[in-house]
């Protein structure tokens, strides 16, 4: 996990978001252990309390479970739960802004849905 911190959000929130991203990307799956608080704190030169706060929020969200004495583990159904909440958040927060931008630019939604990104990285041409 390579991390570059920014000043726009608290570090514990950024760390939590990175772990969530790893769950959504399938890097962390149900039953997988998270690196220990001490390991993350040492590796990224963070206060262990910062790491603990990020992990506790993951526990509070039922995405991770504490197994006393052995560590933190991704819960069953965590990725499905995250995917559902991210989809809902996208539709509620991001999609309306995109639709407004599409409307302001006078673009045709049907054409956009069929279009490929110019730099999709898949070797195809736009």
Protein backbone atom coordinates (compact mmCIF):
# COMPACT_ATOMS: atom_id res chain seq x y z
CA UNK A 1 0.00 0.00 0.00
CA UNK A 2 1.77 3.16 -1.18
CA UNK A 3 0.39 6.24 0.49
CA UNK A 4 0.86 9.93 -0.19
CA UNK A 5 -1.02 11.94 2.43
CA UNK A 6 -2.75 15.19 1.56
CA UNK A 7 -3.91 18.09 3.70
CA UNK A 8 -7.54 17.95 2.54
CA UNK A 9 -8.68 15.32 5.04
CA UNK A 10 -7.51 13.84 8.35
CA UNK A 11 -4.93 11.09 7.92
CA UNK A 12 -7.10 8.51 9.71
CA UNK A 13 -9.86 9.18 7.15
CA UNK A 14 -7.41 8.85 4.27
CA UNK A 15 -6.12 5.57 5.70
CA UNK A 16 -9.68 4.28 6.11
CA UNK A 17 -10.45 5.26 2.51
CA UNK A 18 -7.33 3.42 1.29
CA UNK A 19 -8.40 0.23 3.08
CA UNK A 20 -11.92 0.61 1.64
CA UNK A 21 -10.38 1.05 -1.82
CA UNK A 22 -8.40 -2.15 -1.34
CA UNK A 23 -11.62 -3.97 -0.40
CA UNK A 24 -13.46 -2.62 -3.45
CA UNK A 25 -10.53 -3.54 -5.71
CA UNK A 26 -10.48 -7.08 -4.33
CA UNK A 27 -7.01 -6.70 -2.82
CA UNK A 28 -8.55 -7.37 0.61
CA UNK A 29 -11.21 -10.08 0.64
CA UNK A 30 -13.53 -11.49 3.30
CA UNK A 31 -11.46 -13.21 5.97
CA UNK A 32 -8.22 -11.45 5.06
CA UNK A 33 -6.25 -9.91 7.92
CA UNK A 34 -5.42 -6.21 7.97
CA UNK A 35 -1.82 -5.27 8.70
CA UNK A 36 -1.34 -4.64 12.42
CA UNK A 37 -1.70 -1.15 13.85
CA UNK A 38 1.98 -1.21 14.84
CA UNK A 39 3.05 -2.35 11.37
CA UNK A 40 1.12 0.44 9.59
CA UNK A 41 2.23 3.04 12.14
CA UNK A 42 5.89 2.09 11.71
CA UNK A 43 5.76 1.72 7.92
CA UNK A 44 4.09 5.09 7.31
CA UNK A 45 5.46 6.92 10.34
CA UNK A 46 2.02 7.48 11.84
CA UNK A 47 0.87 7.70 15.40
CA UNK A 48 -0.64 4.31 16.35
CA UNK A 49 -3.70 6.17 17.66
CA UNK A 50 -4.30 7.50 14.12
CA UNK A 51 -4.19 3.99 12.69
CA UNK A 52 -6.41 2.68 15.50
CA UNK A 53 -8.99 5.38 14.79
CA UNK A 54 -9.15 4.41 11.10
CA UNK A 55 -9.47 0.73 12.00
CA UNK A 56 -12.12 1.46 14.64
CA UNK A 57 -14.25 3.27 12.04
CA UNK A 58 -13.98 0.19 9.81
CA UNK A 59 -15.16 -1.92 12.77
CA UNK A 60 -18.01 0.54 13.47
CA UNK A 61 -19.07 0.21 9.81
CA UNK A 62 -19.06 -3.62 10.17
CA UNK A 63 -16.45 -3.92 7.42
CA UNK A 64 -13.77 -5.30 9.73
CA UNK A 65 -13.97 -7.40 12.88
CA UNK A 66 -11.60 -7.49 15.82
CA UNK A 67 -10.44 -10.94 16.80
CA UNK A 68 -9.09 -10.47 20.27
CA UNK A 69 -5.39 -11.20 20.44
CA UNK A 70 -4.97 -12.02 16.75
CA UNK A 71 -5.92 -8.88 14.82
CA UNK A 72 -8.45 -7.32 12.48
CA UNK A 73 -10.12 -9.21 9.65
CA UNK A 74 -12.34 -8.22 6.72
CA UNK A 75 -15.91 -9.35 7.43
CA UNK A 76 -18.03 -11.53 5.17
CA UNK A 77 -20.06 -9.35 2.80
CA UNK A 78 -17.89 -6.25 3.35
CA UNK A 79 -17.15 -5.71 -0.36
CA UNK A 80 -20.81 -6.16 -1.33
CA UNK A 81 -21.88 -3.72 1.38
CA UNK A 82 -19.25 -1.20 0.23
CA UNK A 83 -20.21 -1.57 -3.41
CA UNK A 84 -23.88 -0.96 -2.61
CA UNK A 85 -23.12 2.12 -0.50
CA UNK A 86 -20.66 3.51 -3.07
CA UNK A 87 -23.23 3.07 -5.85
CA UNK A 88 -25.86 4.83 -3.76
CA UNK A 89 -23.45 7.66 -2.90
CA UNK A 90 -22.47 8.02 -6.57
CA UNK A 91 -26.11 8.25 -7.68
CA UNK A 92 -26.93 10.71 -4.90
CA UNK A 93 -23.83 12.95 -5.01
CA UNK A 94 -21.80 12.57 -8.21
CA UNK A 95 -24.28 11.62 -10.93
CA UNK A 96 -26.49 14.73 -10.61
CA UNK A 97 -23.41 16.95 -11.00
CA UNK A 98 -22.30 14.94 -14.04
CA UNK A 99 -25.72 15.18 -15.62
CA UNK A 100 -25.73 18.94 -15.08
CA UNK A 101 -22.27 19.23 -16.66
CA UNK A 102 -23.43 17.11 -19.63
CA UNK A 103 -26.46 19.37 -20.02
CA UNK A 104 -24.35 22.56 -19.81
CA UNK A 105 -21.97 21.25 -22.48
CA UNK A 106 -24.87 20.27 -24.74
CA UNK A 107 -23.74 16.66 -24.95
CA UNK A 108 -26.00 13.76 -25.93
CA UNK A 109 -26.24 11.21 -23.10
CA UNK A 110 -26.89 8.33 -25.53
CA UNK A 111 -23.73 9.16 -27.52
CA UNK A 112 -21.72 9.42 -24.33
CA UNK A 113 -22.90 6.02 -23.14
CA UNK A 114 -21.63 4.42 -26.37
CA UNK A 115 -18.36 6.40 -26.51
CA UNK A 116 -15.02 5.00 -25.37
CA UNK A 117 -12.67 7.19 -23.34
CA UNK A 118 -9.93 8.73 -25.48
CA UNK A 119 -7.14 7.30 -23.32
CA UNK A 120 -8.80 4.14 -22.03
CA UNK A 121 -5.49 2.28 -21.91
CA UNK A 122 -7.05 -0.77 -23.57
CA UNK A 123 -5.23 -0.37 -26.86
CA UNK A 124 -8.36 0.65 -28.76
CA UNK A 125 -8.86 3.90 -30.56
CA UNK A 126 -11.58 6.40 -29.77
